[in-house]
Amino acid sequence: MAKGLIVKLIGGFYYVEADGEILECKARGSFRKKGLSPVVGDYVEVSVPQEGYAAIESIFPRKNKIVRPAIANIDKLVIVSSVCHPAPNPFIIDKMTATAVNKEIEPVIVFSKTDLAPAYEYQKLYENSKIQTIAFSSKTGEGAEQVKKLLNGNIVAFTGNSGVGKSSLLNYIFPQLNIETGDISKKLGRGRHTTRSVELYKTDGGYVADTPGFSTVDLERYEIINKDHIAQCFPEFEEYLGECQFTSCAHICEKGCAILEAVKQGKISKSRHNSYVEMYNEVKDIKEWQKK
């Protein structure tokens, strides 16, 4: 038996890095019976016969898992958003950061294409959020070292809309990866998807994952956060939770709400609070059975 890490999944075959080599594996049928499927990022136990395919025998307990795209045991989620062409969507960014926090993944926001426009106004939205933001330009190299420091010793997933420069960012930091990039479609105003499956690329002391874009991360369906837990997924709300006049406060428009007062005083970004309200309103009427 050998312990390894699933780094790629293609056509029912799992590619597991174990003992310094990549093993092409099949998964035991018992996983299907249990309703459990191995995913990229899983640490697994593999049997290696003298002939035939190696087999995944068991999956070690996961730290976390994102359902779509399917990837497990993520340490950091780097959310890439361009400052222009296409313009940032703070609500989508905030949904991703909230999802990461809910999964106990550290979110980091990278604003790309800063050679075309400054990132300051967008970074300012997050200055009190306890979420790290980085300004990056593939033309000047601004921010590249900051991003690279995030990766050592971690499994780091990169996500972002098509055309925001996610693959360009990875290629700049790790040119040996040579990840395919796509041009911006002027007609559609967005990029064509070039990354079609999750794969872990080994870096110095860690792994980096390139993932499909936001349009395939169906948060409304796959990563629903309970309405009573959403506030805890906004790190800047933490010090004010429990300080409201009423214990049932939803932090929307209630009298004596400590979070609303913090927004009024500029201690919490109004944009971030707006995202919270929109997320809350999206899920407030969803029943528990609908989340399954």
C-alpha atoms as a PDB file:
ATOM      1  CA  MET A   1       0.000   0.000   0.000  1.00  0.00           C
ATOM      2  CA  ALA A   2       1.117   3.550  -0.704  1.00  0.00           C
ATOM      3  CA  LYS A   3      -0.250   6.926   0.378  1.00  0.00           C
ATOM      4  CA  GLY A   4      -0.623   9.482  -2.373  1.00  0.00           C
ATOM      5  CA  LEU A   5      -2.352  12.621  -3.623  1.00  0.00           C
ATOM      6  CA  ILE A   6      -4.799  12.691  -6.548  1.00  0.00           C
ATOM      7  CA  VAL A   7      -3.447  15.325  -8.941  1.00  0.00           C
ATOM      8  CA  LYS A   8      -5.600  14.690 -12.024  1.00  0.00           C
ATOM      9  CA  LEU A   9      -8.765  12.883 -13.121  1.00  0.00           C
ATOM     10  CA  ILE A  10      -9.373  12.010 -16.780  1.00  0.00           C
ATOM     11  CA  GLY A  11     -11.956   9.608 -18.208  1.00  0.00           C
ATOM     12  CA  GLY A  12     -12.377   7.565 -15.046  1.00  0.00           C
ATOM     13  CA  PHE A  13      -8.642   7.263 -14.403  1.00  0.00           C
ATOM     14  CA  TYR A  14      -7.100   8.877 -11.341  1.00  0.00           C
ATOM     15  CA  TYR A  15      -3.495  10.052 -11.442  1.00  0.00           C
ATOM     16  CA  VAL A  16      -1.975   9.752  -7.996  1.00  0.00           C
ATOM     17  CA  GLU A  17       1.390  11.126  -6.949  1.00  0.00           C
ATOM     18  CA  ALA A  18       2.912   8.622  -4.552  1.00  0.00           C
ATOM     19  CA  ASP A  19       6.528   8.017  -3.563  1.00  0.00           C
ATOM     20  CA  GLY A  20       7.811  10.429  -6.189  1.00  0.00           C
ATOM     21  CA  GLU A  21       5.985   8.907  -9.157  1.00  0.00           C
ATOM     22  CA  ILE A  22       2.588   9.265 -10.838  1.00  0.00           C
ATOM     23  CA  LEU A  23       0.377   6.162 -10.699  1.00  0.00           C
ATOM     24  CA  GLU A  24      -2.545   5.649 -13.081  1.00  0.00           C
ATOM     25  CA  CYS A  25      -5.308   4.259 -10.887  1.00  0.00           C
ATOM     26  CA  LYS A  26      -8.861   3.009 -10.914  1.00  0.00           C
ATOM     27  CA  ALA A  27     -11.196   3.489  -7.949  1.00  0.00           C
ATOM     28  CA  ARG A  28     -12.774   0.511  -6.215  1.00  0.00           C
ATOM     29  CA  GLY A  29     -16.452  -0.070  -6.982  1.00  0.00           C
ATOM     30  CA  SER A  30     -17.164   0.078  -3.255  1.00  0.00           C
ATOM     31  CA  PHE A  31     -16.876   3.884  -3.416  1.00  0.00           C
ATOM     32  CA  ARG A  32     -19.925   4.094  -5.707  1.00  0.00           C
ATOM     33  CA  LYS A  33     -21.948   1.905  -3.360  1.00  0.00           C
ATOM     34  CA  LYS A  34     -21.155   4.333  -0.534  1.00  0.00           C
ATOM     35  CA  GLY A  35     -22.029   7.340  -2.698  1.00  0.00           C
ATOM     36  CA  LEU A  36     -18.430   8.543  -2.365  1.00  0.00           C
ATOM     37  CA  SER A  37     -16.143   9.513  -5.229  1.00  0.00           C
ATOM     38  CA  PRO A  38     -12.457  10.414  -5.016  1.00  0.00           C
ATOM     39  CA  VAL A  39     -11.666  13.929  -6.288  1.00  0.00           C
ATOM     40  CA  VAL A  40      -8.553  15.899  -7.151  1.00  0.00           C
ATOM     41  CA  GLY A  41      -6.841  16.935  -3.908  1.00  0.00           C
ATOM     42  CA  ASP A  42      -7.809  13.802  -2.007  1.00  0.00           C
ATOM     43  CA  TYR A  43      -5.141  11.965  -0.059  1.00  0.00           C
ATOM     44  CA  VAL A  44      -5.676   8.288  -0.761  1.00  0.00           C
ATOM     45  CA  GLU A  45      -4.314   4.832  -0.039  1.00  0.00           C
ATOM     46  CA  VAL A  46      -3.348   2.943  -3.182  1.00  0.00           C
ATOM     47  CA  SER A  47      -2.605  -0.734  -3.815  1.00  0.00           C
ATOM     48  CA  VAL A  48       0.054  -1.349  -6.459  1.00  0.00           C
ATOM     49  CA  PRO A  49      -0.103  -4.829  -8.036  1.00  0.00           C
ATOM     50  CA  GLN A  50       2.748  -6.293 -10.051  1.00  0.00           C
ATOM     51  CA  GLU A  51       0.495  -6.319 -13.118  1.00  0.00           C
ATOM     52  CA  GLY A  52      -2.505  -4.243 -14.137  1.00  0.00           C
ATOM     53  CA  TYR A  53      -3.742  -0.911 -12.796  1.00  0.00           C
ATOM     54  CA  ALA A  54      -3.118   0.401  -9.316  1.00  0.00           C
ATOM     55  CA  ALA A  55      -6.321   0.834  -7.294  1.00  0.00           C
ATOM     56  CA  ILE A  56      -7.528   3.480  -4.860  1.00  0.00           C
ATOM     57  CA  GLU A  57      -8.472   1.537  -1.742  1.00  0.00           C
ATOM     58  CA  SER A  58      -9.468   4.325   0.659  1.00  0.00           C
ATOM     59  CA  ILE A  59      -9.756   8.083   1.010  1.00  0.00           C
ATOM     60  CA  PHE A  60      -8.253   9.811   4.027  1.00  0.00           C
ATOM     61  CA  PRO A  61     -10.503  12.309   5.888  1.00  0.00           C
ATOM     62  CA  ARG A  62     -10.879  15.596   4.010  1.00  0.00           C
ATOM     63  CA  LYS A  63     -10.232  19.025   5.484  1.00  0.00           C
ATOM     64  CA  ASN A  64     -12.749  20.505   3.065  1.00  0.00           C
ATOM     65  CA  LYS A  65     -14.236  20.039  -0.383  1.00  0.00           C
ATOM     66  CA  ILE A  66     -15.732  22.274  -3.058  1.00  0.00           C
ATOM     67  CA  VAL A  67     -18.404  20.430  -5.020  1.00  0.00           C
ATOM     68  CA  ARG A  68     -18.073  22.200  -8.361  1.00  0.00           C
ATOM     69  CA  PRO A  69     -15.372  22.240  -9.521  1.00  0.00           C
ATOM     70  CA  ALA A  70     -14.668  19.143  -7.421  1.00  0.00           C
ATOM     71  CA  ILE A  71     -11.487  19.595  -5.402  1.00  0.00           C
ATOM     72  CA  ALA A  72     -10.563  18.722  -1.814  1.00  0.00           C
ATOM     73  CA  ASN A  73      -8.161  19.797   0.919  1.00  0.00           C
ATOM     74  CA  ILE A  74      -7.655  23.369  -0.292  1.00  0.00           C
ATOM     75  CA  ASP A  75      -5.570  25.639   1.936  1.00  0.00           C
ATOM     76  CA  LYS A  76      -6.062  28.911   0.042  1.00  0.00           C
ATOM     77  CA  LEU A  77      -8.501  30.080  -2.620  1.00  0.00           C
ATOM     78  CA  VAL A  78      -7.069  32.815  -4.846  1.00  0.00           C
ATOM     79  CA  ILE A  79      -9.901  34.735  -6.512  1.00  0.00           C
ATOM     80  CA  VAL A  80      -8.634  36.531  -9.616  1.00  0.00           C
ATOM     81  CA  SER A  81     -10.576  39.546 -10.895  1.00  0.00           C
ATOM     82  CA  SER A  82      -9.396  41.999 -13.519  1.00  0.00           C
ATOM     83  CA  VAL A  83      -9.719  45.730 -12.881  1.00  0.00           C
ATOM     84  CA  CYS A  84     -11.122  46.139 -16.424  1.00  0.00           C
ATOM     85  CA  HIS A  85     -12.037  44.113 -19.509  1.00  0.00           C
ATOM     86  CA  PRO A  86     -14.036  42.558 -17.833  1.00  0.00           C
ATOM     87  CA  ALA A  87     -14.791  44.835 -14.887  1.00  0.00           C
ATOM     88  CA  PRO A  88     -14.939  43.333 -11.368  1.00  0.00           C
ATOM     89  CA  ASN A  89     -18.218  42.107  -9.913  1.00  0.00           C
ATOM     90  CA  PRO A  90     -17.876  42.686  -6.143  1.00  0.00           C
ATOM     91  CA  PHE A  91     -20.937  40.558  -5.355  1.00  0.00           C
ATOM     92  CA  ILE A  92     -19.505  37.481  -7.101  1.00  0.00           C
ATOM     93  CA  ILE A  93     -16.143  38.067  -5.424  1.00  0.00           C
ATOM     94  CA  ASP A  94     -17.856  38.337  -2.037  1.00  0.00           C
ATOM     95  CA  LYS A  95     -19.807  35.125  -2.616  1.00  0.00           C
ATOM     96  CA  MET A  96     -16.541  33.359  -3.349  1.00  0.00           C
ATOM     97  CA  THR A  97     -14.794  34.750  -0.267  1.00  0.00           C
ATOM     98  CA  ALA A  98     -17.786  33.775   1.885  1.00  0.00           C
ATOM     99  CA  THR A  99     -17.795  30.272   0.427  1.00  0.00           C
ATOM    100  CA  ALA A 100     -14.076  29.946   1.152  1.00  0.00           C
ATOM    101  CA  VAL A 101     -14.462  31.096   4.763  1.00  0.00           C
ATOM    102  CA  ASN A 102     -17.424  28.735   5.188  1.00  0.00           C
ATOM    103  CA  LYS A 103     -15.187  25.873   4.017  1.00  0.00           C
ATOM    104  CA  GLU A 104     -12.335  26.992   6.305  1.00  0.00           C
ATOM    105  CA  ILE A 105     -10.252  28.011   3.282  1.00  0.00           C
ATOM    106  CA  GLU A 106      -8.274  31.251   3.382  1.00  0.00           C
ATOM    107  CA  PRO A 107      -9.487  33.561   0.582  1.00  0.00           C
ATOM    108  CA  VAL A 108      -7.091  35.911  -1.223  1.00  0.00           C
ATOM    109  CA  ILE A 109      -8.225  38.373  -3.910  1.00  0.00           C
ATOM    110  CA  VAL A 110      -5.897  39.228  -6.805  1.00  0.00           C
ATOM    111  CA  PHE A 111      -6.853  42.219  -8.951  1.00  0.00           C
ATOM    112  CA  SER A 112      -5.155  41.716 -12.323  1.00  0.00           C
ATOM    113  CA  LYS A 113      -4.380  43.918 -15.339  1.00  0.00           C
ATOM    114  CA  THR A 114      -3.217  46.809 -13.152  1.00  0.00           C
ATOM    115  CA  ASP A 115      -1.107  48.074 -16.039  1.00  0.00           C
ATOM    116  CA  LEU A 116      -4.424  49.099 -17.656  1.00  0.00           C
ATOM    117  CA  ALA A 117      -6.090  50.674 -14.612  1.00  0.00           C
ATOM    118  CA  PRO A 118      -5.351  51.035 -10.878  1.00  0.00           C
ATOM    119  CA  ALA A 119      -6.730  48.546  -8.360  1.00  0.00           C
ATOM    120  CA  TYR A 120      -6.850  50.955  -5.434  1.00  0.00           C
ATOM    121  CA  GLU A 121     -10.604  51.611  -5.411  1.00  0.00           C
ATOM    122  CA  TYR A 122     -11.347  47.876  -5.395  1.00  0.00           C
ATOM    123  CA  GLN A 123      -8.718  47.057  -2.784  1.00  0.00           C
ATOM    124  CA  LYS A 124     -10.200  49.772  -0.582  1.00  0.00           C
ATOM    125  CA  LEU A 125     -13.461  47.808  -0.406  1.00  0.00           C
ATOM    126  CA  TYR A 126     -11.574  45.079   1.453  1.00  0.00           C
ATOM    127  CA  GLU A 127      -9.188  47.089   3.634  1.00  0.00           C
ATOM    128  CA  ASN A 128     -11.199  46.294   6.804  1.00  0.00           C
ATOM    129  CA  SER A 129     -12.283  42.808   5.739  1.00  0.00           C
ATOM    130  CA  LYS A 130      -9.230  40.849   6.999  1.00  0.00           C
ATOM    131  CA  ILE A 131      -9.010  39.433   3.462  1.00  0.00           C
ATOM    132  CA  GLN A 132      -5.691  39.927   1.701  1.00  0.00           C
ATOM    133  CA  THR A 133      -5.784  41.679  -1.675  1.00  0.00           C
ATOM    134  CA  ILE A 134      -2.961  41.838  -4.207  1.00  0.00           C
ATOM    135  CA  ALA A 135      -2.603  44.046  -7.297  1.00  0.00           C
ATOM    136  CA  PHE A 136      -1.008  42.149 -10.187  1.00  0.00           C
ATOM    137  CA  SER A 137       0.193  43.015 -13.687  1.00  0.00           C
ATOM    138  CA  SER A 138       1.580  40.421 -16.092  1.00  0.00           C
ATOM    139  CA  LYS A 139       3.213  43.322 -17.971  1.00  0.00           C
ATOM    140  CA  THR A 140       5.199  44.799 -15.079  1.00  0.00           C
ATOM    141  CA  GLY A 141       5.308  41.862 -12.674  1.00  0.00           C
ATOM    142  CA  GLU A 142       3.689  43.904  -9.895  1.00  0.00           C
ATOM    143  CA  GLY A 143       2.395  41.586  -7.158  1.00  0.00           C
ATOM    144  CA  ALA A 144       3.969  38.405  -8.544  1.00  0.00           C
ATOM    145  CA  GLU A 145       6.193  37.777  -5.533  1.00  0.00           C
ATOM    146  CA  GLN A 146       3.277  38.340  -3.159  1.00  0.00           C
ATOM    147  CA  VAL A 147       1.248  35.692  -4.951  1.00  0.00           C
ATOM    148  CA  LYS A 148       4.161  33.282  -5.073  1.00  0.00           C
ATOM    149  CA  LYS A 149       4.621  33.501  -1.295  1.00  0.00           C
ATOM    150  CA  LEU A 150       1.071  32.214  -0.829  1.00  0.00           C
ATOM    151  CA  LEU A 151       1.901  28.890  -2.424  1.00  0.00           C
ATOM    152  CA  ASN A 152       4.732  27.375  -0.411  1.00  0.00           C
ATOM    153  CA  GLY A 153       3.599  24.238   1.403  1.00  0.00           C
ATOM    154  CA  ASN A 154      -0.073  24.615   0.425  1.00  0.00           C
ATOM    155  CA  ILE A 155      -2.689  23.338  -1.987  1.00  0.00           C
ATOM    156  CA  VAL A 156      -3.879  26.568  -3.585  1.00  0.00           C
ATOM    157  CA  ALA A 157      -6.825  26.830  -5.958  1.00  0.00           C
ATOM    158  CA  PHE A 158      -7.087  29.707  -8.424  1.00  0.00           C
ATOM    159  CA  THR A 159     -10.486  30.736  -9.718  1.00  0.00           C
ATOM    160  CA  GLY A 160     -11.962  33.610 -11.690  1.00  0.00           C
ATOM    161  CA  ASN A 161     -14.101  34.536 -14.659  1.00  0.00           C
ATOM    162  CA  SER A 162     -12.801  33.746 -18.125  1.00  0.00           C
ATOM    163  CA  GLY A 163     -10.625  36.533 -19.436  1.00  0.00           C
ATOM    164  CA  VAL A 164      -9.518  37.969 -16.086  1.00  0.00           C
ATOM    165  CA  GLY A 165      -5.937  36.758 -16.544  1.00  0.00           C
ATOM    166  CA  LYS A 166      -5.982  33.768 -14.185  1.00  0.00           C
ATOM    167  CA  SER A 167      -3.928  31.519 -16.465  1.00  0.00           C
ATOM    168  CA  SER A 168      -1.653  34.438 -17.370  1.00  0.00           C
ATOM    169  CA  LEU A 169      -0.996  34.955 -13.655  1.00  0.00           C
ATOM    170  CA  LEU A 170      -0.066  31.297 -13.168  1.00  0.00           C
ATOM    171  CA  ASN A 171       2.124  31.277 -16.256  1.00  0.00           C
ATOM    172  CA  TYR A 172       3.947  34.405 -15.103  1.00  0.00           C
ATOM    173  CA  ILE A 173       4.723  32.940 -11.686  1.00  0.00           C
ATOM    174  CA  PHE A 174       5.366  29.397 -12.913  1.00  0.00           C
ATOM    175  CA  PRO A 175       6.313  29.595 -16.620  1.00  0.00           C
ATOM    176  CA  GLN A 176       7.063  25.878 -16.650  1.00  0.00           C
ATOM    177  CA  LEU A 177       3.337  25.160 -16.277  1.00  0.00           C
ATOM    178  CA  ASN A 178       2.556  26.613 -19.725  1.00  0.00           C
ATOM    179  CA  ILE A 179      -1.184  26.732 -19.011  1.00  0.00           C
ATOM    180  CA  GLU A 180      -3.318  27.458 -22.089  1.00  0.00           C
ATOM    181  CA  THR A 181      -4.653  30.999 -22.265  1.00  0.00           C
ATOM    182  CA  GLY A 182      -7.503  32.474 -24.262  1.00  0.00           C
ATOM    183  CA  ASP A 183      -8.216  35.791 -25.902  1.00  0.00           C
ATOM    184  CA  ILE A 184     -11.036  38.039 -24.815  1.00  0.00           C
ATOM    185  CA  SER A 185     -14.113  37.717 -26.987  1.00  0.00           C
ATOM    186  CA  LYS A 186     -15.025  41.263 -27.991  1.00  0.00           C
ATOM    187  CA  LYS A 187     -18.429  40.150 -29.174  1.00  0.00           C
ATOM    188  CA  LEU A 188     -19.376  38.519 -25.876  1.00  0.00           C
ATOM    189  CA  GLY A 189     -17.336  40.788 -23.634  1.00  0.00           C
ATOM    190  CA  ARG A 190     -15.835  37.782 -21.881  1.00  0.00           C
ATOM    191  CA  GLY A 191     -13.188  35.165 -22.441  1.00  0.00           C
ATOM    192  CA  ARG A 192     -13.572  31.706 -23.891  1.00  0.00           C
ATOM    193  CA  HIS A 193     -13.060  28.940 -21.350  1.00  0.00           C
ATOM    194  CA  THR A 194      -9.673  27.341 -21.783  1.00  0.00           C
ATOM    195  CA  THR A 195      -9.416  25.402 -18.504  1.00  0.00           C
ATOM    196  CA  ARG A 196     -11.760  22.403 -18.647  1.00  0.00           C
ATOM    197  CA  SER A 197     -10.784  20.276 -15.668  1.00  0.00           C
ATOM    198  CA  VAL A 198      -9.086  20.663 -12.314  1.00  0.00           C
ATOM    199  CA  GLU A 199      -5.462  19.625 -12.155  1.00  0.00           C
ATOM    200  CA  LEU A 200      -2.854  20.059  -9.445  1.00  0.00           C
ATOM    201  CA  TYR A 201       0.522  21.312 -10.595  1.00  0.00           C
ATOM    202  CA  LYS A 202       3.451  20.644  -8.296  1.00  0.00           C
ATOM    203  CA  THR A 203       5.391  23.708  -7.205  1.00  0.00           C
ATOM    204  CA  ASP A 204       8.172  24.259  -4.692  1.00  0.00           C
ATOM    205  CA  GLY A 205       6.817  22.536  -1.596  1.00  0.00           C
ATOM    206  CA  GLY A 206       3.168  22.701  -2.639  1.00  0.00           C
ATOM    207  CA  TYR A 207       0.524  22.386  -5.346  1.00  0.00           C
ATOM    208  CA  VAL A 208      -1.440  24.881  -7.374  1.00  0.00           C
ATOM    209  CA  ALA A 209      -4.797  24.124  -8.992  1.00  0.00           C
ATOM    210  CA  ASP A 210      -6.170  25.822 -12.070  1.00  0.00           C
ATOM    211  CA  THR A 211      -9.980  25.578 -12.013  1.00  0.00           C
ATOM    212  CA  PRO A 212     -12.877  26.349 -14.355  1.00  0.00           C
ATOM    213  CA  GLY A 213     -14.236  29.892 -14.226  1.00  0.00           C
ATOM    214  CA  PHE A 214     -16.959  31.383 -12.092  1.00  0.00           C
ATOM    215  CA  SER A 215     -19.735  30.352 -14.453  1.00  0.00           C
ATOM    216  CA  THR A 216     -19.152  26.720 -13.503  1.00  0.00           C
ATOM    217  CA  VAL A 217     -19.068  27.406  -9.761  1.00  0.00           C
ATOM    218  CA  ASP A 218     -22.813  27.177  -9.205  1.00  0.00           C
ATOM    219  CA  LEU A 219     -22.882  28.520  -5.660  1.00  0.00           C
ATOM    220  CA  GLU A 220     -26.658  28.860  -5.554  1.00  0.00           C
ATOM    221  CA  ARG A 221     -27.010  25.126  -6.129  1.00  0.00           C
ATOM    222  CA  TYR A 222     -23.883  23.546  -4.693  1.00  0.00           C
ATOM    223  CA  GLU A 223     -22.499  25.777  -1.959  1.00  0.00           C
ATOM    224  CA  ILE A 224     -25.532  27.175  -0.162  1.00  0.00           C
ATOM    225  CA  ILE A 225     -24.676  28.782   3.178  1.00  0.00           C
ATOM    226  CA  ASN A 226     -27.313  28.755   5.898  1.00  0.00           C
ATOM    227  CA  LYS A 227     -28.756  32.260   6.350  1.00  0.00           C
ATOM    228  CA  ASP A 228     -27.881  32.236  10.055  1.00  0.00           C
ATOM    229  CA  HIS A 229     -24.240  31.472   9.243  1.00  0.00           C
ATOM    230  CA  ILE A 230     -23.621  33.965   6.413  1.00  0.00           C
ATOM    231  CA  ALA A 231     -22.577  36.783   8.780  1.00  0.00           C
ATOM    232  CA  GLN A 232     -19.803  34.549  10.174  1.00  0.00           C
ATOM    233  CA  CYS A 233     -18.440  34.197   6.627  1.00  0.00           C
ATOM    234  CA  PHE A 234     -17.659  37.931   6.514  1.00  0.00           C
ATOM    235  CA  PRO A 235     -14.542  38.185   8.746  1.00  0.00           C
ATOM    236  CA  GLU A 236     -14.982  41.929   9.398  1.00  0.00           C
ATOM    237  CA  PHE A 237     -18.383  41.250  10.999  1.00  0.00           C
ATOM    238  CA  GLU A 238     -16.852  39.011  13.678  1.00  0.00           C
ATOM    239  CA  GLU A 239     -16.095  41.597  16.346  1.00  0.00           C
ATOM    240  CA  TYR A 240     -19.642  42.985  16.125  1.00  0.00           C
ATOM    241  CA  LEU A 241     -21.543  39.695  16.289  1.00  0.00           C
ATOM    242  CA  GLY A 242     -23.334  39.383  19.616  1.00  0.00           C
ATOM    243  CA  GLU A 243     -23.260  43.149  20.158  1.00  0.00           C
ATOM    244  CA  CYS A 244     -26.642  43.897  18.536  1.00  0.00           C
ATOM    245  CA  GLN A 245     -29.607  45.047  20.626  1.00  0.00           C
ATOM    246  CA  PHE A 246     -31.630  41.975  19.662  1.00  0.00           C
ATOM    247  CA  THR A 247     -30.261  38.418  19.601  1.00  0.00           C
ATOM    248  CA  SER A 248     -32.398  37.624  16.544  1.00  0.00           C
ATOM    249  CA  CYS A 249     -30.838  40.458  14.527  1.00  0.00           C
ATOM    250  CA  ALA A 250     -30.348  39.595  10.855  1.00  0.00           C
ATOM    251  CA  HIS A 251     -28.105  42.656  10.305  1.00  0.00           C
ATOM    252  CA  ILE A 252     -30.297  43.892   7.458  1.00  0.00           C
ATOM    253  CA  CYS A 253     -32.205  46.932   8.740  1.00  0.00           C
ATOM    254  CA  GLU A 254     -32.873  46.216  12.423  1.00  0.00           C
ATOM    255  CA  LYS A 255     -32.780  48.814  15.162  1.00  0.00           C
ATOM    256  CA  GLY A 256     -29.701  48.606  17.368  1.00  0.00           C
ATOM    257  CA  CYS A 257     -27.680  46.507  14.928  1.00  0.00           C
ATOM    258  CA  ALA A 258     -23.952  46.757  15.704  1.00  0.00           C
ATOM    259  CA  ILE A 259     -22.984  45.774  12.159  1.00  0.00           C
ATOM    260  CA  LEU A 260     -25.174  48.472  10.592  1.00  0.00           C
ATOM    261  CA  GLU A 261     -23.624  50.994  12.958  1.00  0.00           C
ATOM    262  CA  ALA A 262     -20.146  49.832  11.886  1.00  0.00           C
ATOM    263  CA  VAL A 263     -21.156  50.333   8.242  1.00  0.00           C
ATOM    264  CA  LYS A 264     -22.429  53.813   9.095  1.00  0.00           C
ATOM    265  CA  GLN A 265     -19.091  54.650  10.757  1.00  0.00           C
ATOM    266  CA  GLY A 266     -17.097  53.335   7.774  1.00  0.00           C
ATOM    267  CA  LYS A 267     -15.614  50.411   9.730  1.00  0.00           C
ATOM    268  CA  ILE A 268     -17.310  47.938   7.387  1.00  0.00           C
ATOM    269  CA  SER A 269     -17.491  48.545   3.643  1.00  0.00           C
ATOM    270  CA  LYS A 270     -20.999  49.386   2.437  1.00  0.00           C
ATOM    271  CA  SER A 271     -20.315  47.281  -0.662  1.00  0.00           C
ATOM    272  CA  ARG A 272     -19.481  44.259   1.482  1.00  0.00           C
ATOM    273  CA  HIS A 273     -22.615  44.727   3.583  1.00  0.00           C
ATOM    274  CA  ASN A 274     -24.704  45.029   0.412  1.00  0.00           C
ATOM    275  CA  SER A 275     -23.300  41.671  -0.707  1.00  0.00           C
ATOM    276  CA  TYR A 276     -24.195  40.164   2.655  1.00  0.00           C
ATOM    277  CA  VAL A 277     -27.777  41.428   2.382  1.00  0.00           C
ATOM    278  CA  GLU A 278     -28.121  40.071  -1.158  1.00  0.00           C
ATOM    279  CA  MET A 279     -26.732  36.680  -0.127  1.00  0.00           C
ATOM    280  CA  TYR A 280     -29.054  36.587   2.897  1.00  0.00           C
ATOM    281  CA  ASN A 281     -32.101  37.424   0.790  1.00  0.00           C
ATOM    282  CA  GLU A 282     -31.183  34.723  -1.739  1.00  0.00           C
ATOM    283  CA  VAL A 283     -31.273  31.929   0.849  1.00  0.00           C
ATOM    284  CA  LYS A 284     -33.651  33.156   3.576  1.00  0.00           C
ATOM    285  CA  ASP A 285     -36.627  31.246   2.168  1.00  0.00           C
ATOM    286  CA  ILE A 286     -34.772  28.068   1.182  1.00  0.00           C
ATOM    287  CA  LYS A 287     -35.827  25.069   3.257  1.00  0.00           C
ATOM    288  CA  GLU A 288     -33.310  22.563   4.599  1.00  0.00           C
ATOM    289  CA  TRP A 289     -34.520  19.796   2.285  1.00  0.00           C
ATOM    290  CA  GLN A 290     -33.923  22.036  -0.732  1.00  0.00           C
ATOM    291  CA  LYS A 291     -30.197  22.318   0.104  1.00  0.00           C
ATOM    292  CA  LYS A 292     -29.529  18.619  -0.411  1.00  0.00           C
END
